[in-house]
């Protein structure tokens, strides 16, 4: 069926029987590619479920190494991996989970200079970064390259998720035109992060990617899903596409060449 082996049919059987997926959808996933930027709290669950779902090519980008403080929430890294590059640690687990897919490890930092080249080969991008500079770089590069993406951020007991379809929906800058001033938003090391919240948010990011790739369901476009796991409140905030947006407005700017991405501190939202 659709060129799948007997093992693959059994592996994906619970997904293939779903209305909206089927054999056709599973074949689409096998032919799709997703880049996960960041192999940390958000990137780990996102990469795990994309791999399990059978997305044919997965890129994992991160320049950091595993620290013992990561293990409370970054589910692809184990105690034995402390000191190991995160992309290597993550790829090892993912290849054990599903040897049928291709995993590209990109051990570097995403910058305004390399972002377009790195992002361009993929069908979809998931933001699993932990700093404002990278989030804005992803936003601006994906809009230029016309690649859909899902942004997210976590802090303490809270999370935010937003999906962007370039030229069709509001972008991250429509909601937050510029990074906050340094010191306004604390980092996770300062404010802490509840271990389960990146699992919840990263899983939602995965569902957004799969829904887009297969063309079913409603996406988190033109809105931000705000999650407060402490009070168990999920709230949708409407975001309007701005004609004056520097990234996706009527007169977009060449932001990757002119914007100072590092004006704010490195911290999660």
Protein backbone atom coordinates (compact mmCIF):
# COMPACT_ATOMS: atom_id res chain seq x y z
CA UNK A 1 0.00 0.00 0.00
CA UNK A 2 1.42 3.35 -1.14
CA UNK A 3 4.90 1.81 -1.20
CA UNK A 4 4.98 1.11 2.55
CA UNK A 5 6.57 -2.02 3.93
CA UNK A 6 4.57 -4.36 6.13
CA UNK A 7 6.53 -3.03 9.12
CA UNK A 8 5.64 0.58 8.25
CA UNK A 9 1.96 -0.28 7.83
CA UNK A 10 1.94 -1.84 11.29
CA UNK A 11 3.98 1.04 12.76
CA UNK A 12 1.58 3.72 11.50
CA UNK A 13 -1.63 1.66 11.62
CA UNK A 14 -3.33 3.71 14.36
CA UNK A 15 -2.63 6.86 12.38
CA UNK A 16 -3.56 5.48 8.95
CA UNK A 17 -7.07 4.56 10.13
CA UNK A 18 -7.74 8.17 11.10
CA UNK A 19 -10.06 10.19 8.90
CA UNK A 20 -7.92 12.99 7.50
CA UNK A 21 -4.78 10.85 7.36
CA UNK A 22 -5.21 7.46 5.72
CA UNK A 23 -2.65 5.96 3.39
CA UNK A 24 -2.57 9.10 1.26
CA UNK A 25 -1.83 11.28 4.26
CA UNK A 26 0.82 8.92 5.59
CA UNK A 27 2.53 9.04 2.20
CA UNK A 28 2.43 12.85 2.34
CA UNK A 29 4.12 12.78 5.72
CA UNK A 30 6.83 10.48 4.38
CA UNK A 31 7.45 12.96 1.57
CA UNK A 32 7.50 15.99 3.91
CA UNK A 33 10.32 17.71 5.78
CA UNK A 34 10.29 19.71 9.00
CA UNK A 35 13.03 21.76 10.64
CA UNK A 36 13.03 21.96 14.43
CA UNK A 37 15.07 24.92 15.66
CA UNK A 38 16.24 24.07 19.17
CA UNK A 39 16.66 20.63 20.75
CA UNK A 40 15.55 21.75 24.20
CA UNK A 41 12.29 21.81 26.12
CA UNK A 42 10.06 22.51 23.11
CA UNK A 43 12.15 20.91 20.39
CA UNK A 44 12.46 17.54 22.13
CA UNK A 45 8.74 16.64 22.26
CA UNK A 46 8.14 18.21 18.85
CA UNK A 47 10.93 16.17 17.26
CA UNK A 48 9.83 13.02 19.09
CA UNK A 49 6.25 13.12 17.82
CA UNK A 50 7.22 14.18 14.29
CA UNK A 51 9.57 11.21 14.15
CA UNK A 52 6.95 8.85 15.55
CA UNK A 53 4.39 10.14 13.04
CA UNK A 54 6.66 9.29 10.11
CA UNK A 55 7.66 12.69 8.74
CA UNK A 56 10.20 11.68 6.11
CA UNK A 57 12.94 14.20 6.83
CA UNK A 58 13.59 15.95 10.11
CA UNK A 59 16.19 18.66 10.65
CA UNK A 60 17.35 19.42 14.19
CA UNK A 61 19.30 22.63 14.76
CA UNK A 62 21.05 23.49 18.01
CA UNK A 63 24.56 24.63 18.97
CA UNK A 64 24.40 23.82 22.69
CA UNK A 65 25.45 20.79 24.73
CA UNK A 66 23.38 18.86 27.27
CA UNK A 67 23.53 20.19 30.82
CA UNK A 68 22.19 18.33 33.83
CA UNK A 69 19.71 21.18 34.44
CA UNK A 70 18.10 20.33 31.07
CA UNK A 71 17.03 16.84 32.12
CA UNK A 72 14.00 18.00 34.13
CA UNK A 73 12.15 18.84 30.89
CA UNK A 74 14.19 18.01 27.75
CA UNK A 75 12.96 14.47 27.24
CA UNK A 76 15.38 13.31 24.51
CA UNK A 77 18.44 13.82 26.73
CA UNK A 78 19.50 11.37 29.45
CA UNK A 79 21.99 11.59 32.31
CA UNK A 80 24.64 9.82 30.23
CA UNK A 81 24.34 12.58 27.59
CA UNK A 82 25.54 15.43 29.80
CA UNK A 83 28.24 17.29 27.88
CA UNK A 84 27.17 15.83 24.53
CA UNK A 85 25.94 18.12 21.69
CA UNK A 86 22.16 18.28 21.90
CA UNK A 87 21.67 17.53 18.20
CA UNK A 88 23.67 14.31 18.55
CA UNK A 89 21.90 13.26 21.72
CA UNK A 90 18.48 13.92 20.19
CA UNK A 91 19.28 12.21 16.89
CA UNK A 92 20.44 9.05 18.65
CA UNK A 93 17.10 8.61 20.41
CA UNK A 94 15.05 9.52 17.35
CA UNK A 95 16.85 7.04 15.10
CA UNK A 96 16.13 4.33 17.65
CA UNK A 97 12.48 5.37 17.70
CA UNK A 98 12.03 5.32 13.92
CA UNK A 99 14.84 4.18 11.62
CA UNK A 100 12.68 4.80 8.55
CA UNK A 101 13.16 8.57 8.49
CA UNK A 102 16.09 10.82 7.64
CA UNK A 103 17.44 13.00 10.44
CA UNK A 104 19.74 15.90 9.64
CA UNK A 105 21.75 17.32 12.55
CA UNK A 106 22.72 20.98 12.22
CA UNK A 107 25.08 21.92 15.01
CA UNK A 108 25.18 25.68 14.64
CA UNK A 109 23.43 28.84 15.75
CA UNK A 110 20.72 30.29 13.54
CA UNK A 111 21.79 33.79 12.48
CA UNK A 112 20.54 36.46 10.07
CA UNK A 113 23.29 35.38 7.67
CA UNK A 114 22.62 31.63 7.54
CA UNK A 115 18.87 31.46 8.30
CA UNK A 116 17.52 31.51 4.75
CA UNK A 117 19.95 28.87 3.51
CA UNK A 118 19.18 26.56 6.45
CA UNK A 119 15.40 27.00 6.37
CA UNK A 120 14.86 26.88 2.61
CA UNK A 121 15.03 23.06 2.07
CA UNK A 122 12.19 22.36 4.52
CA UNK A 123 8.41 22.36 4.14
CA UNK A 124 7.72 23.57 7.68
CA UNK A 125 9.63 25.08 10.61
CA UNK A 126 9.02 24.63 14.34
CA UNK A 127 10.46 27.25 16.68
CA UNK A 128 11.85 25.53 19.75
CA UNK A 129 14.27 28.35 20.56
CA UNK A 130 14.80 29.94 23.97
CA UNK A 131 15.63 33.51 22.97
CA UNK A 132 13.96 36.43 21.24
CA UNK A 133 16.68 36.93 18.64
CA UNK A 134 16.17 33.45 17.18
CA UNK A 135 12.39 33.79 17.21
CA UNK A 136 12.51 36.98 15.17
CA UNK A 137 15.09 35.51 12.80
CA UNK A 138 12.83 32.50 12.19
CA UNK A 139 9.85 34.75 11.60
CA UNK A 140 11.63 37.04 9.16
CA UNK A 141 13.47 34.30 7.24
CA UNK A 142 10.39 32.08 6.89
CA UNK A 143 8.32 34.96 5.55
CA UNK A 144 10.98 35.76 2.95
CA UNK A 145 11.23 32.08 1.94
CA UNK A 146 7.43 31.58 2.11
CA UNK A 147 7.68 28.67 4.54
CA UNK A 148 4.97 28.13 7.19
CA UNK A 149 6.04 27.87 10.82
CA UNK A 150 4.80 27.60 14.39
CA UNK A 151 6.26 29.83 17.09
CA UNK A 152 6.13 29.02 20.79
CA UNK A 153 7.52 30.11 24.11
CA UNK A 154 7.40 28.88 27.69
CA UNK A 155 8.06 30.33 31.13
CA UNK A 156 7.14 29.07 34.58
CA UNK A 157 3.66 27.47 34.22
CA UNK A 158 2.78 29.27 30.98
CA UNK A 159 3.13 28.83 27.24
CA UNK A 160 2.20 30.57 24.00
CA UNK A 161 1.76 29.09 20.52
CA UNK A 162 1.15 30.83 17.17
CA UNK A 163 1.15 29.46 13.62
CA UNK A 164 2.08 31.63 10.65
CA UNK A 165 1.30 31.02 6.99
CA UNK A 166 3.30 33.65 5.06
CA UNK A 167 1.23 36.01 2.87
CA UNK A 168 -1.99 34.66 4.38
CA UNK A 169 -1.89 35.21 8.15
CA UNK A 170 -0.51 37.53 10.79
CA UNK A 171 3.12 36.95 11.70
CA UNK A 172 5.02 37.09 14.98
CA UNK A 173 5.88 40.75 14.37
CA UNK A 174 2.21 41.58 13.85
CA UNK A 175 1.72 40.50 17.46
CA UNK A 176 5.06 41.72 18.85
CA UNK A 177 6.68 44.20 16.49
CA UNK A 178 10.04 44.22 18.29
CA UNK A 179 11.78 42.29 21.09
CA UNK A 180 11.12 43.59 24.62
CA UNK A 181 13.75 45.78 26.24
CA UNK A 182 16.51 43.91 28.07
CA UNK A 183 15.53 42.75 31.55
CA UNK A 184 11.76 43.05 31.08
CA UNK A 185 11.13 39.31 30.67
CA UNK A 186 13.07 36.93 32.95
CA UNK A 187 14.77 33.82 31.64
CA UNK A 188 13.77 30.28 32.61
CA UNK A 189 16.86 30.08 34.81
CA UNK A 190 15.54 33.12 36.69
CA UNK A 191 11.80 32.39 36.78
CA UNK A 192 11.87 28.61 36.42
CA UNK A 193 9.83 26.35 34.16
CA UNK A 194 7.38 23.58 35.05
CA UNK A 195 8.69 20.40 33.40
CA UNK A 196 5.43 19.36 31.73
CA UNK A 197 4.65 22.71 30.07
CA UNK A 198 7.15 22.32 27.18
CA UNK A 199 5.74 18.84 26.59
CA UNK A 200 2.25 20.26 26.21
CA UNK A 201 3.30 23.21 24.07
CA UNK A 202 5.74 21.21 21.92
CA UNK A 203 3.06 18.59 21.24
CA UNK A 204 0.68 21.31 20.07
CA UNK A 205 3.38 22.62 17.74
CA UNK A 206 3.70 19.13 16.26
CA UNK A 207 -0.03 18.89 15.71
CA UNK A 208 0.03 22.24 13.91
CA UNK A 209 2.79 21.01 11.57
CA UNK A 210 1.03 17.73 10.79
CA UNK A 211 -2.35 19.42 10.24
CA UNK A 212 -0.75 21.84 7.81
CA UNK A 213 1.17 19.15 5.92
CA UNK A 214 -1.95 17.00 5.57
CA UNK A 215 -4.40 19.87 5.01
CA UNK A 216 -6.97 19.17 7.71
CA UNK A 217 -8.23 20.83 10.88
CA UNK A 218 -8.03 24.41 12.08
CA UNK A 219 -4.65 26.05 12.58
CA UNK A 220 -3.56 28.61 15.17
CA UNK A 221 -3.33 31.34 12.56
CA UNK A 222 -4.26 34.95 13.36
CA UNK A 223 -4.36 34.00 17.02
CA UNK A 224 -2.15 33.02 19.93
CA UNK A 225 -3.03 30.12 22.19
CA UNK A 226 -2.09 31.09 25.74
CA UNK A 227 -1.69 28.15 28.12
CA UNK A 228 -1.68 28.50 31.90
CA UNK A 229 -1.21 25.00 33.28
CA UNK A 230 -1.36 26.26 36.86
CA UNK A 231 -4.99 27.33 36.56
CA UNK A 232 -5.65 24.97 33.62
CA UNK A 233 -6.84 27.83 31.40
CA UNK A 234 -6.39 27.75 27.63
CA UNK A 235 -7.19 31.07 26.01
CA UNK A 236 -7.16 32.24 22.37
CA UNK A 237 -6.03 35.81 21.68
CA UNK A 238 -6.83 37.25 18.26
CA UNK A 239 -3.98 38.75 16.22
CA UNK A 240 -4.67 40.89 13.15
CA UNK A 241 -2.38 40.99 10.14
CA UNK A 242 -0.83 44.45 10.12
CA UNK A 243 -0.40 46.42 6.91
CA UNK A 244 2.43 48.27 8.67
CA UNK A 245 4.29 45.13 9.79
CA UNK A 246 7.99 45.40 8.97
CA UNK A 247 8.11 41.72 8.02
CA UNK A 248 4.85 40.93 6.24
CA UNK A 249 3.14 44.30 5.70
CA UNK A 250 2.47 46.21 2.51
CA UNK A 251 6.05 47.50 2.40
CA UNK A 252 8.22 44.80 4.01
CA UNK A 253 11.77 45.63 5.00
CA UNK A 254 14.93 43.62 4.38
CA UNK A 255 15.10 42.85 8.08
CA UNK A 256 17.73 40.12 7.95
CA UNK A 257 20.20 42.71 6.73
CA UNK A 258 19.17 45.73 8.79
CA UNK A 259 17.50 44.63 12.04
CA UNK A 260 19.46 44.42 15.29
CA UNK A 261 18.27 41.01 16.49
CA UNK A 262 20.48 40.99 19.56
CA UNK A 263 19.15 44.16 21.16
CA UNK A 264 17.18 42.12 23.70
CA UNK A 265 18.36 39.59 26.27
CA UNK A 266 18.36 35.86 25.69
CA UNK A 267 15.16 34.65 27.34
CA UNK A 268 12.02 32.69 26.67
CA UNK A 269 8.50 34.06 26.46
